[in-house]
C-alpha atoms as a PDB file:
ATOM      1  CA  MET A   1      34.313   9.991  33.527  1.00  0.00           C
ATOM      2  CA  ALA A   2      37.241  12.409  33.230  1.00  0.00           C
ATOM      3  CA  ALA A   3      40.020  11.229  30.888  1.00  0.00           C
ATOM      4  CA  GLU A   4      43.310  10.314  32.567  1.00  0.00           C
ATOM      5  CA  GLY A   5      45.674  12.797  31.408  1.00  0.00           C
ATOM      6  CA  LEU A   6      47.812  15.671  32.499  1.00  0.00           C
ATOM      7  CA  LEU A   7      50.576  15.874  35.109  1.00  0.00           C
ATOM      8  CA  VAL A   8      51.562  19.450  35.971  1.00  0.00           C
ATOM      9  CA  SER A   9      54.878  19.980  37.647  1.00  0.00           C
ATOM     10  CA  LEU A  10      54.811  23.778  37.677  1.00  0.00           C
ATOM     11  CA  LEU A  11      55.341  25.400  41.029  1.00  0.00           C
ATOM     12  CA  PRO A  12      51.944  25.767  42.721  1.00  0.00           C
ATOM     13  CA  ARG A  13      50.217  29.103  42.834  1.00  0.00           C
ATOM     14  CA  PRO A  14      46.639  30.225  43.606  1.00  0.00           C
ATOM     15  CA  GLY A  15      44.200  29.495  40.838  1.00  0.00           C
ATOM     16  CA  LEU A  16      46.597  27.321  38.751  1.00  0.00           C
ATOM     17  CA  ARG A  17      44.379  24.208  38.762  1.00  0.00           C
ATOM     18  CA  THR A  18      41.312  26.289  37.914  1.00  0.00           C
ATOM     19  CA  GLU A  19      43.031  27.911  34.917  1.00  0.00           C
ATOM     20  CA  ILE A  20      44.199  24.580  33.577  1.00  0.00           C
ATOM     21  CA  GLU A  21      40.858  22.823  34.079  1.00  0.00           C
ATOM     22  CA  ARG A  22      39.035  25.687  32.402  1.00  0.00           C
ATOM     23  CA  ALA A  23      41.279  25.343  29.327  1.00  0.00           C
ATOM     24  CA  LEU A  24      41.161  21.531  29.269  1.00  0.00           C
ATOM     25  CA  PRO A  25      37.631  20.441  30.234  1.00  0.00           C
ATOM     26  CA  GLY A  26      37.311  16.673  30.644  1.00  0.00           C
ATOM     27  CA  VAL A  27      41.034  16.131  31.240  1.00  0.00           C
ATOM     28  CA  ARG A  28      42.063  14.861  34.642  1.00  0.00           C
ATOM     29  CA  VAL A  29      44.713  17.209  36.023  1.00  0.00           C
ATOM     30  CA  LEU A  30      47.266  15.999  38.567  1.00  0.00           C
ATOM     31  CA  LEU A  31      49.564  18.517  40.261  1.00  0.00           C
ATOM     32  CA  VAL A  32      52.894  17.065  41.341  1.00  0.00           C
ATOM     33  CA  SER A  33      52.564  19.107  44.537  1.00  0.00           C
ATOM     34  CA  GLU A  34      49.402  17.216  45.331  1.00  0.00           C
ATOM     35  CA  ALA A  35      50.334  13.745  43.904  1.00  0.00           C
ATOM     36  CA  PRO A  36      54.063  13.330  44.384  1.00  0.00           C
ATOM     37  CA  ARG A  37      54.113   9.558  44.375  1.00  0.00           C
ATOM     38  CA  ARG A  38      55.841   7.872  41.384  1.00  0.00           C
ATOM     39  CA  PRO A  39      55.231   6.326  38.963  1.00  0.00           C
ATOM     40  CA  TRP A  40      52.355   8.286  37.455  1.00  0.00           C
ATOM     41  CA  ALA A  41      51.139   5.271  35.504  1.00  0.00           C
ATOM     42  CA  GLU A  42      48.096   6.791  33.744  1.00  0.00           C
ATOM     43  CA  VAL A  43      49.459  10.156  32.714  1.00  0.00           C
ATOM     44  CA  ARG A  44      49.531  10.829  28.952  1.00  0.00           C
ATOM     45  CA  ALA A  45      50.902  14.421  28.993  1.00  0.00           C
ATOM     46  CA  LEU A  46      53.198  16.553  31.102  1.00  0.00           C
ATOM     47  CA  LEU A  47      53.257  20.336  31.560  1.00  0.00           C
ATOM     48  CA  VAL A  48      56.661  21.314  32.938  1.00  0.00           C
ATOM     49  CA  GLY A  49      58.805  24.417  33.471  1.00  0.00           C
ATOM     50  CA  ASN A  50      62.193  23.567  34.928  1.00  0.00           C
ATOM     51  CA  PRO A  51      62.550  19.754  35.059  1.00  0.00           C
ATOM     52  CA  ARG A  52      65.530  19.758  37.438  1.00  0.00           C
ATOM     53  CA  ARG A  53      63.738  21.852  39.959  1.00  0.00           C
ATOM     54  CA  GLU A  54      60.292  20.410  39.546  1.00  0.00           C
ATOM     55  CA  LEU A  55      61.095  16.734  38.890  1.00  0.00           C
ATOM     56  CA  PRO A  56      64.433  15.898  40.429  1.00  0.00           C
ATOM     57  CA  GLY A  57      65.685  12.498  39.461  1.00  0.00           C
ATOM     58  CA  LEU A  58      63.111  12.038  36.685  1.00  0.00           C
ATOM     59  CA  GLN A  59      63.450   8.646  34.901  1.00  0.00           C
ATOM     60  CA  PRO A  60      61.491   7.250  31.876  1.00  0.00           C
ATOM     61  CA  GLY A  61      59.772   4.717  34.135  1.00  0.00           C
ATOM     62  CA  ASP A  62      58.206   7.498  36.252  1.00  0.00           C
ATOM     63  CA  LEU A  63      55.818   8.222  33.334  1.00  0.00           C
ATOM     64  CA  PRO A  64      55.490   4.913  31.493  1.00  0.00           C
ATOM     65  CA  GLU A  65      52.468   5.976  29.381  1.00  0.00           C
ATOM     66  CA  LEU A  66      53.725   9.490  28.529  1.00  0.00           C
ATOM     67  CA  GLU A  67      52.974  10.577  24.964  1.00  0.00           C
ATOM     68  CA  PHE A  68      53.491  14.367  25.006  1.00  0.00           C
ATOM     69  CA  VAL A  69      55.431  16.980  26.941  1.00  0.00           C
ATOM     70  CA  GLN A  70      54.631  20.690  26.798  1.00  0.00           C
ATOM     71  CA  THR A  71      57.200  22.928  28.297  1.00  0.00           C
ATOM     72  CA  LEU A  72      56.330  26.357  29.736  1.00  0.00           C
ATOM     73  CA  TYR A  73      59.471  27.905  28.292  1.00  0.00           C
ATOM     74  CA  THR A  74      60.532  28.279  24.708  1.00  0.00           C
ATOM     75  CA  GLY A  75      64.029  26.902  24.517  1.00  0.00           C
ATOM     76  CA  LEU A  76      64.745  23.174  24.731  1.00  0.00           C
ATOM     77  CA  ASP A  77      68.547  23.319  24.824  1.00  0.00           C
ATOM     78  CA  THR A  78      68.554  22.131  28.402  1.00  0.00           C
ATOM     79  CA  PHE A  79      65.640  19.704  28.168  1.00  0.00           C
ATOM     80  CA  PRO A  80      66.524  16.172  29.457  1.00  0.00           C
ATOM     81  CA  PHE A  81      65.256  14.152  26.466  1.00  0.00           C
ATOM     82  CA  ASP A  82      66.921  11.029  27.920  1.00  0.00           C
ATOM     83  CA  ARG A  83      64.855  11.215  31.107  1.00  0.00           C
ATOM     84  CA  ILE A  84      61.455  10.680  29.426  1.00  0.00           C
ATOM     85  CA  ARG A  85      59.874   7.703  27.768  1.00  0.00           C
ATOM     86  CA  PRO A  86      61.312   7.107  24.239  1.00  0.00           C
ATOM     87  CA  GLY A  87      58.916   8.233  21.553  1.00  0.00           C
ATOM     88  CA  ALA A  88      57.188  10.873  23.688  1.00  0.00           C
ATOM     89  CA  ARG A  89      56.911  14.104  21.737  1.00  0.00           C
ATOM     90  CA  VAL A  90      58.290  17.321  23.290  1.00  0.00           C
ATOM     91  CA  ALA A  91      57.173  20.798  22.363  1.00  0.00           C
ATOM     92  CA  GLY A  92      58.647  24.151  23.395  1.00  0.00           C
ATOM     93  CA  ASN A  93      56.284  27.021  24.153  1.00  0.00           C
ATOM     94  CA  VAL A  94      57.221  28.774  20.877  1.00  0.00           C
ATOM     95  CA  GLY A  95      55.586  32.228  20.782  1.00  0.00           C
ATOM     96  CA  GLY A  96      54.701  32.192  24.465  1.00  0.00           C
ATOM     97  CA  TYR A  97      57.121  35.023  25.210  1.00  0.00           C
ATOM     98  CA  ALA A  98      57.368  36.448  21.707  1.00  0.00           C
ATOM     99  CA  PRO A  99      55.750  39.902  22.226  1.00  0.00           C
ATOM    100  CA  PHE A 100      57.646  40.568  25.447  1.00  0.00           C
ATOM    101  CA  VAL A 101      61.042  39.532  24.145  1.00  0.00           C
ATOM    102  CA  ALA A 102      60.501  41.452  20.930  1.00  0.00           C
ATOM    103  CA  GLU A 103      59.901  44.615  22.950  1.00  0.00           C
ATOM    104  CA  GLN A 104      63.111  43.950  24.845  1.00  0.00           C
ATOM    105  CA  ALA A 105      64.969  43.614  21.538  1.00  0.00           C
ATOM    106  CA  VAL A 106      63.623  46.961  20.341  1.00  0.00           C
ATOM    107  CA  ALA A 107      64.416  48.565  23.704  1.00  0.00           C
ATOM    108  CA  LEU A 108      68.006  47.376  23.474  1.00  0.00           C
ATOM    109  CA  LEU A 109      68.280  48.567  19.906  1.00  0.00           C
ATOM    110  CA  LEU A 110      66.973  52.040  20.699  1.00  0.00           C
ATOM    111  CA  ALA A 111      69.179  52.308  23.819  1.00  0.00           C
ATOM    112  CA  ALA A 112      72.199  51.462  21.696  1.00  0.00           C
ATOM    113  CA  ALA A 113      71.308  53.754  18.779  1.00  0.00           C
ATOM    114  CA  ARG A 114      70.433  56.668  21.048  1.00  0.00           C
ATOM    115  CA  ARG A 115      73.177  56.056  23.613  1.00  0.00           C
ATOM    116  CA  ILE A 116      70.671  56.168  26.401  1.00  0.00           C
ATOM    117  CA  VAL A 117      72.981  54.898  29.156  1.00  0.00           C
ATOM    118  CA  GLU A 118      75.677  57.385  28.255  1.00  0.00           C
ATOM    119  CA  GLY A 119      73.138  60.235  28.216  1.00  0.00           C
ATOM    120  CA  ASP A 120      71.742  59.223  31.591  1.00  0.00           C
ATOM    121  CA  LEU A 121      75.234  59.278  33.116  1.00  0.00           C
ATOM    122  CA  MET A 122      75.876  62.769  31.626  1.00  0.00           C
ATOM    123  CA  VAL A 123      72.702  64.234  33.085  1.00  0.00           C
ATOM    124  CA  ARG A 124      73.398  62.705  36.514  1.00  0.00           C
ATOM    125  CA  ALA A 125      76.829  64.303  36.349  1.00  0.00           C
ATOM    126  CA  GLY A 126      75.259  67.654  35.492  1.00  0.00           C
ATOM    127  CA  LYS A 127      76.518  67.664  31.904  1.00  0.00           C
ATOM    128  CA  LEU A 128      74.599  68.757  28.840  1.00  0.00           C
ATOM    129  CA  ARG A 129      77.450  69.113  26.296  1.00  0.00           C
ATOM    130  CA  PRO A 130      79.498  67.924  24.576  1.00  0.00           C
ATOM    131  CA  THR A 131      77.412  64.923  23.529  1.00  0.00           C
ATOM    132  CA  ALA A 132      78.234  62.354  20.849  1.00  0.00           C
ATOM    133  CA  PRO A 133      75.882  62.033  17.860  1.00  0.00           C
ATOM    134  CA  VAL A 134      73.154  59.360  18.032  1.00  0.00           C
ATOM    135  CA  ARG A 135      71.834  57.190  15.221  1.00  0.00           C
ATOM    136  CA  HIS A 136      68.562  57.476  13.342  1.00  0.00           C
ATOM    137  CA  LEU A 137      67.245  54.018  12.572  1.00  0.00           C
ATOM    138  CA  GLY A 138      64.792  54.927   9.861  1.00  0.00           C
ATOM    139  CA  GLY A 139      65.958  53.747   6.403  1.00  0.00           C
ATOM    140  CA  ARG A 140      68.505  51.246   7.848  1.00  0.00           C
ATOM    141  CA  THR A 141      68.384  47.561   7.187  1.00  0.00           C
ATOM    142  CA  ALA A 142      67.887  45.036   9.961  1.00  0.00           C
ATOM    143  CA  LEU A 143      68.752  41.377   9.618  1.00  0.00           C
ATOM    144  CA  ILE A 144      66.559  39.249  11.906  1.00  0.00           C
ATOM    145  CA  VAL A 145      68.371  35.926  12.360  1.00  0.00           C
ATOM    146  CA  GLY A 146      66.367  32.954  13.609  1.00  0.00           C
ATOM    147  CA  TYR A 147      63.092  34.076  12.171  1.00  0.00           C
ATOM    148  CA  GLY A 148      60.284  32.496  14.162  1.00  0.00           C
ATOM    149  CA  ALA A 149      57.626  33.842  16.469  1.00  0.00           C
ATOM    150  CA  ILE A 150      59.936  36.301  18.231  1.00  0.00           C
ATOM    151  CA  GLY A 151      61.524  37.356  14.960  1.00  0.00           C
ATOM    152  CA  ALA A 152      58.080  38.113  13.449  1.00  0.00           C
ATOM    153  CA  GLU A 153      57.200  40.307  16.418  1.00  0.00           C
ATOM    154  CA  VAL A 154      60.480  42.123  16.123  1.00  0.00           C
ATOM    155  CA  ALA A 155      59.959  42.704  12.366  1.00  0.00           C
ATOM    156  CA  VAL A 156      56.569  44.303  12.907  1.00  0.00           C
ATOM    157  CA  ARG A 157      58.065  46.710  15.478  1.00  0.00           C
ATOM    158  CA  LEU A 158      61.055  47.602  13.342  1.00  0.00           C
ATOM    159  CA  ARG A 159      58.849  48.350  10.390  1.00  0.00           C
ATOM    160  CA  GLY A 160      57.191  50.944  12.641  1.00  0.00           C
ATOM    161  CA  LEU A 161      60.583  52.544  13.024  1.00  0.00           C
ATOM    162  CA  GLY A 162      60.908  52.893   9.276  1.00  0.00           C
ATOM    163  CA  MET A 163      63.496  50.117   8.927  1.00  0.00           C
ATOM    164  CA  ALA A 164      63.911  47.663   6.075  1.00  0.00           C
ATOM    165  CA  THR A 165      63.773  44.114   7.397  1.00  0.00           C
ATOM    166  CA  ILE A 166      65.317  40.892   6.170  1.00  0.00           C
ATOM    167  CA  GLY A 167      64.466  37.636   7.899  1.00  0.00           C
ATOM    168  CA  VAL A 168      66.875  34.711   8.041  1.00  0.00           C
ATOM    169  CA  ASN A 169      65.703  31.143   8.571  1.00  0.00           C
ATOM    170  CA  ARG A 170      66.617  27.647   7.418  1.00  0.00           C
ATOM    171  CA  SER A 171      64.635  27.651   4.229  1.00  0.00           C
ATOM    172  CA  GLY A 172      64.239  31.265   3.242  1.00  0.00           C
ATOM    173  CA  ALA A 173      60.500  30.774   2.780  1.00  0.00           C
ATOM    174  CA  SER A 174      58.763  34.156   2.513  1.00  0.00           C
ATOM    175  CA  ARG A 175      56.936  35.701   5.464  1.00  0.00           C
ATOM    176  CA  PRO A 176      54.493  38.701   5.284  1.00  0.00           C
ATOM    177  CA  GLU A 177      56.119  40.698   8.194  1.00  0.00           C
ATOM    178  CA  VAL A 178      59.486  41.262   6.489  1.00  0.00           C
ATOM    179  CA  ASP A 179      60.528  42.864   3.235  1.00  0.00           C
ATOM    180  CA  ARG A 180      62.256  39.658   2.182  1.00  0.00           C
ATOM    181  CA  MET A 181      63.577  36.362   3.535  1.00  0.00           C
ATOM    182  CA  ILE A 182      66.788  34.592   2.908  1.00  0.00           C
ATOM    183  CA  PRO A 183      68.076  31.133   3.918  1.00  0.00           C
ATOM    184  CA  VAL A 184      70.789  30.971   6.554  1.00  0.00           C
ATOM    185  CA  GLY A 185      73.292  29.993   3.853  1.00  0.00           C
ATOM    186  CA  GLU A 186      73.098  33.571   2.503  1.00  0.00           C
ATOM    187  CA  LEU A 187      73.656  35.258   5.905  1.00  0.00           C
ATOM    188  CA  SER A 188      77.321  35.906   5.341  1.00  0.00           C
ATOM    189  CA  GLU A 189      76.655  37.718   2.056  1.00  0.00           C
ATOM    190  CA  ALA A 190      73.901  39.867   3.655  1.00  0.00           C
ATOM    191  CA  LEU A 191      75.765  40.935   6.828  1.00  0.00           C
ATOM    192  CA  PRO A 192      77.865  43.764   5.287  1.00  0.00           C
ATOM    193  CA  THR A 193      74.694  45.588   4.226  1.00  0.00           C
ATOM    194  CA  ALA A 194      73.013  45.438   7.623  1.00  0.00           C
ATOM    195  CA  GLY A 195      73.327  48.288  10.103  1.00  0.00           C
ATOM    196  CA  VAL A 196      71.407  46.200  12.626  1.00  0.00           C
ATOM    197  CA  VAL A 197      71.441  42.433  13.350  1.00  0.00           C
ATOM    198  CA  VAL A 198      68.913  40.984  15.753  1.00  0.00           C
ATOM    199  CA  ASN A 199      69.685  37.453  16.910  1.00  0.00           C
ATOM    200  CA  CYS A 200      66.609  35.397  17.871  1.00  0.00           C
ATOM    201  CA  LEU A 201      68.217  31.985  17.421  1.00  0.00           C
ATOM    202  CA  PRO A 202      67.423  29.063  19.698  1.00  0.00           C
ATOM    203  CA  LEU A 203      70.422  27.093  20.944  1.00  0.00           C
ATOM    204  CA  THR A 204      70.739  23.836  19.010  1.00  0.00           C
ATOM    205  CA  ARG A 205      73.701  21.751  17.844  1.00  0.00           C
ATOM    206  CA  ALA A 206      73.613  23.651  14.536  1.00  0.00           C
ATOM    207  CA  THR A 207      73.436  27.179  16.060  1.00  0.00           C
ATOM    208  CA  ARG A 208      76.014  26.852  18.838  1.00  0.00           C
ATOM    209  CA  GLY A 209      78.800  29.314  18.119  1.00  0.00           C
ATOM    210  CA  LEU A 210      77.233  30.252  14.733  1.00  0.00           C
ATOM    211  CA  PHE A 211      78.305  33.918  15.215  1.00  0.00           C
ATOM    212  CA  GLY A 212      82.017  33.094  15.179  1.00  0.00           C
ATOM    213  CA  PRO A 213      84.968  34.778  13.450  1.00  0.00           C
ATOM    214  CA  ALA A 214      83.720  33.977   9.923  1.00  0.00           C
ATOM    215  CA  LEU A 215      80.430  35.850  10.432  1.00  0.00           C
ATOM    216  CA  LEU A 216      81.571  38.549  12.857  1.00  0.00           C
ATOM    217  CA  ASP A 217      84.297  39.575  10.418  1.00  0.00           C
ATOM    218  CA  ARG A 218      81.491  40.340   7.955  1.00  0.00           C
ATOM    219  CA  PHE A 219      79.692  42.769  10.261  1.00  0.00           C
ATOM    220  CA  PRO A 220      79.883  46.468   9.362  1.00  0.00           C
ATOM    221  CA  PRO A 221      82.228  48.449  11.640  1.00  0.00           C
ATOM    222  CA  GLU A 222      79.347  50.433  13.183  1.00  0.00           C
ATOM    223  CA  ALA A 223      76.712  47.631  13.412  1.00  0.00           C
ATOM    224  CA  ILE A 224      74.334  47.281  16.290  1.00  0.00           C
ATOM    225  CA  PHE A 225      74.161  43.587  17.228  1.00  0.00           C
ATOM    226  CA  VAL A 226      71.160  42.756  19.470  1.00  0.00           C
ATOM    227  CA  ASN A 227      70.883  39.339  21.061  1.00  0.00           C
ATOM    228  CA  VAL A 228      67.608  38.018  22.505  1.00  0.00           C
ATOM    229  CA  GLY A 229      68.186  34.453  21.402  1.00  0.00           C
ATOM    230  CA  ARG A 230      70.836  32.432  23.257  1.00  0.00           C
ATOM    231  CA  ALA A 231      74.258  33.683  24.270  1.00  0.00           C
ATOM    232  CA  GLU A 232      75.926  30.473  23.221  1.00  0.00           C
ATOM    233  CA  THR A 233      75.084  31.094  19.584  1.00  0.00           C
ATOM    234  CA  VAL A 234      77.758  33.805  19.765  1.00  0.00           C
ATOM    235  CA  ASP A 235      81.479  33.078  20.216  1.00  0.00           C
ATOM    236  CA  PRO A 236      82.535  35.463  23.064  1.00  0.00           C
ATOM    237  CA  THR A 237      86.193  35.487  22.036  1.00  0.00           C
ATOM    238  CA  ALA A 238      85.379  36.409  18.452  1.00  0.00           C
ATOM    239  CA  LEU A 239      82.829  38.978  19.668  1.00  0.00           C
ATOM    240  CA  ALA A 240      85.388  40.644  21.929  1.00  0.00           C
ATOM    241  CA  ARG A 241      87.854  40.903  19.029  1.00  0.00           C
ATOM    242  CA  TYR A 242      85.192  42.430  16.744  1.00  0.00           C
ATOM    243  CA  LEU A 243      84.145  45.005  19.400  1.00  0.00           C
ATOM    244  CA  ALA A 244      87.771  45.921  20.028  1.00  0.00           C
ATOM    245  CA  ALA A 245      88.444  46.420  16.329  1.00  0.00           C
ATOM    246  CA  ALA A 246      85.143  48.297  15.745  1.00  0.00           C
ATOM    247  CA  PRO A 247      84.662  50.819  18.566  1.00  0.00           C
ATOM    248  CA  GLY A 248      81.688  52.289  16.698  1.00  0.00           C
ATOM    249  CA  ALA A 249      79.810  48.970  16.956  1.00  0.00           C
ATOM    250  CA  THR A 250      77.577  47.896  19.853  1.00  0.00           C
ATOM    251  CA  TYR A 251      76.640  44.504  21.240  1.00  0.00           C
ATOM    252  CA  ALA A 252      73.353  44.808  23.109  1.00  0.00           C
ATOM    253  CA  SER A 253      72.200  41.609  24.819  1.00  0.00           C
ATOM    254  CA  ASP A 254      69.626  40.220  27.155  1.00  0.00           C
ATOM    255  CA  VAL A 255      71.256  36.808  27.357  1.00  0.00           C
ATOM    256  CA  TRP A 256      74.638  35.638  28.709  1.00  0.00           C
ATOM    257  CA  TRP A 257      76.967  32.695  28.687  1.00  0.00           C
ATOM    258  CA  ASN A 258      77.143  32.039  32.391  1.00  0.00           C
ATOM    259  CA  GLU A 259      73.728  32.537  33.841  1.00  0.00           C
ATOM    260  CA  GLU A 260      72.829  31.089  37.270  1.00  0.00           C
ATOM    261  CA  PHE A 261      69.169  31.783  37.758  1.00  0.00           C
ATOM    262  CA  GLU A 262      68.881  30.104  41.100  1.00  0.00           C
ATOM    263  CA  ALA A 263      71.785  32.109  42.479  1.00  0.00           C
ATOM    264  CA  GLY A 264      70.685  35.222  40.614  1.00  0.00           C
ATOM    265  CA  THR A 265      74.117  35.855  39.160  1.00  0.00           C
ATOM    266  CA  VAL A 266      75.840  36.199  35.769  1.00  0.00           C
ATOM    267  CA  GLU A 267      79.507  36.035  34.991  1.00  0.00           C
ATOM    268  CA  MET A 268      80.838  38.237  32.185  1.00  0.00           C
ATOM    269  CA  PRO A 269      83.562  36.672  30.028  1.00  0.00           C
ATOM    270  CA  ALA A 270      86.857  38.317  30.860  1.00  0.00           C
ATOM    271  CA  ALA A 271      87.440  39.344  27.231  1.00  0.00           C
ATOM    272  CA  LEU A 272      84.177  41.362  27.279  1.00  0.00           C
ATOM    273  CA  ALA A 273      84.222  42.791  30.774  1.00  0.00           C
ATOM    274  CA  GLY A 274      84.586  46.567  30.754  1.00  0.00           C
ATOM    275  CA  ARG A 275      83.996  46.965  26.999  1.00  0.00           C
ATOM    276  CA  PRO A 276      82.425  50.378  26.434  1.00  0.00           C
ATOM    277  CA  ASN A 277      80.493  49.198  23.361  1.00  0.00           C
ATOM    278  CA  LEU A 278      78.620  46.441  25.197  1.00  0.00           C
ATOM    279  CA  LEU A 279      75.133  47.087  26.575  1.00  0.00           C
ATOM    280  CA  GLY A 280      73.473  44.533  28.823  1.00  0.00           C
ATOM    281  CA  SER A 281      70.223  43.655  30.483  1.00  0.00           C
ATOM    282  CA  PRO A 282      69.825  40.740  32.957  1.00  0.00           C
ATOM    283  CA  HIS A 283      67.795  38.249  30.872  1.00  0.00           C
ATOM    284  CA  ARG A 284      64.468  39.882  31.783  1.00  0.00           C
ATOM    285  CA  GLY A 285      62.790  40.291  28.403  1.00  0.00           C
ATOM    286  CA  GLY A 286      59.923  38.027  29.420  1.00  0.00           C
ATOM    287  CA  ILE A 287      59.594  39.253  33.005  1.00  0.00           C
ATOM    288  CA  VAL A 288      56.589  41.449  32.672  1.00  0.00           C
ATOM    289  CA  ALA A 289      53.307  41.518  34.573  1.00  0.00           C
ATOM    290  CA  GLU A 290      51.282  40.239  31.655  1.00  0.00           C
ATOM    291  CA  ALA A 291      53.566  37.289  30.889  1.00  0.00           C
ATOM    292  CA  PRO A 292      52.543  34.555  33.303  1.00  0.00           C
ATOM    293  CA  ARG A 293      48.870  34.328  32.102  1.00  0.00           C
ATOM    294  CA  PHE A 294      49.804  34.784  28.421  1.00  0.00           C
ATOM    295  CA  VAL A 295      52.556  32.154  28.588  1.00  0.00           C
ATOM    296  CA  LEU A 296      50.382  29.599  30.357  1.00  0.00           C
ATOM    297  CA  ASP A 297      47.453  30.125  27.946  1.00  0.00           C
ATOM    298  CA  HIS A 298      49.822  29.623  25.015  1.00  0.00           C
ATOM    299  CA  ALA A 299      51.098  26.351  26.447  1.00  0.00           C
ATOM    300  CA  LEU A 300      47.583  25.156  27.297  1.00  0.00           C
ATOM    301  CA  GLU A 301      46.385  25.768  23.776  1.00  0.00           C
ATOM    302  CA  ASN A 302      49.023  23.231  22.513  1.00  0.00           C
ATOM    303  CA  LEU A 303      47.897  20.793  25.193  1.00  0.00           C
ATOM    304  CA  ARG A 304      44.291  21.309  24.101  1.00  0.00           C
ATOM    305  CA  ARG A 305      45.341  20.300  20.583  1.00  0.00           C
ATOM    306  CA  PHE A 306      46.952  17.135  21.910  1.00  0.00           C
ATOM    307  CA  PHE A 307      43.975  16.026  23.950  1.00  0.00           C
ATOM    308  CA  ALA A 308      41.619  16.835  21.109  1.00  0.00           C
ATOM    309  CA  GLY A 309      43.549  14.476  18.818  1.00  0.00           C
ATOM    310  CA  GLU A 310      45.061  17.347  16.807  1.00  0.00           C
ATOM    311  CA  ALA A 311      48.747  17.588  15.983  1.00  0.00           C
ATOM    312  CA  PRO A 312      50.513  19.633  18.571  1.00  0.00           C
ATOM    313  CA  ARG A 313      52.609  22.512  17.287  1.00  0.00           C
ATOM    314  CA  TYR A 314      56.344  23.082  17.720  1.00  0.00           C
ATOM    315  CA  VAL A 315      57.255  19.459  18.413  1.00  0.00           C
ATOM    316  CA  ALA A 316      61.062  19.262  18.583  1.00  0.00           C
ATOM    317  CA  ASP A 317      63.452  16.833  16.886  1.00  0.00           C
ATOM    318  CA  PRO A 318      65.682  15.613  19.725  1.00  0.00           C
ATOM    319  CA  ALA A 319      68.525  15.222  17.216  1.00  0.00           C
ATOM    320  CA  ASP A 320      68.682  18.992  16.954  1.00  0.00           C
ATOM    321  CA  TYR A 321      69.685  19.155  20.655  1.00  0.00           C
ATOM    322  CA  VAL A 322      71.175  15.881  21.751  1.00  0.00           C
ATOM    323  CA  ASP A 323      74.605  14.694  20.754  1.00  0.00           C
ATOM    324  CA  PRO A 324      74.221  10.907  20.419  1.00  0.00           C
ATOM    325  CA  THR A 325      77.839  10.466  21.672  1.00  0.00           C
ATOM    326  CA  ALA A 326      77.172  12.486  24.868  1.00  0.00           C
ATOM    327  CA  GLY A 327      76.381  11.031  28.277  1.00  0.00           C
ATOM    328  CA  PRO A 328      73.160  11.407  30.277  1.00  0.00           C
ATOM    329  CA  ALA A 329      71.818  14.940  30.554  1.00  0.00           C
ATOM    330  CA  ASP A 330      71.927  16.979  33.719  1.00  0.00           C
ATOM    331  CA  VAL A 331      68.168  17.306  34.276  1.00  0.00           C
ATOM    332  CA  GLY A 332      66.994  20.842  33.600  1.00  0.00           C
ATOM    333  CA  ARG A 333      70.377  22.496  33.048  1.00  0.00           C
END
């Protein structure tokens, strides 16, 4: 008899059930689109993408036996921990988008260093000269802040460009992909030596606004600052002041402070709008043809571990995200 087990709230698409059942043989799979009635009394695990969209009004009593939640996406800064059964473990899909986002980071870095947008506009205007010098990245040092799965993929690619790499994480524990690792407490000291900073930080209570005046004032005047982490880890007012004072610097980002995915819009902070040393892309690092299957497979592997009695990976500590003095979460924000 199939084990009671997995509720899937992902938007339905052809072949979804088959892919999940192939990865999790013996686990009973319930799709919300096929079994919308609540409560789901015998479900032990949940696979979810956007809770607000997929499970509007979710309450702990809707999944009274829930033990484990696997999200399709990496970040948990908007996950509604207060809307699930207390004690249920929640894991982000860490690494699910890593190779795709890392490529986006390198693309932004190269576009900034080689002034690709400026060059494109020149050619379209029929101009060949004069052209401003571009930067060679070989031999420069890159700080990779928030060194996890994405950071490791970035490091491998930057090594291929001949760059020295320094990873930054909580502990400073060594990793083979970088030349050296440092704890986040040493970030301020390291910044003046870095021609490139790549931000891969998740958004947590500890990282919100981390790149504020104290750190941005330590950046070299011609640094390239690439952000593929979360926009809210950077203080936009302090960033605008740095970019105004350092016209040779560039902020190249795939993530923004006011993103409205359902509306398909983004609002640029007034202090940054029109800055010539800002380069943007519309949060599309993970939107590649190969991503959906890779991302789902990555999430299903963690669910396989759970149903096999193994410890799931990347289980979050809600205290990293939830302010105990705050009110109820807006589901899926």
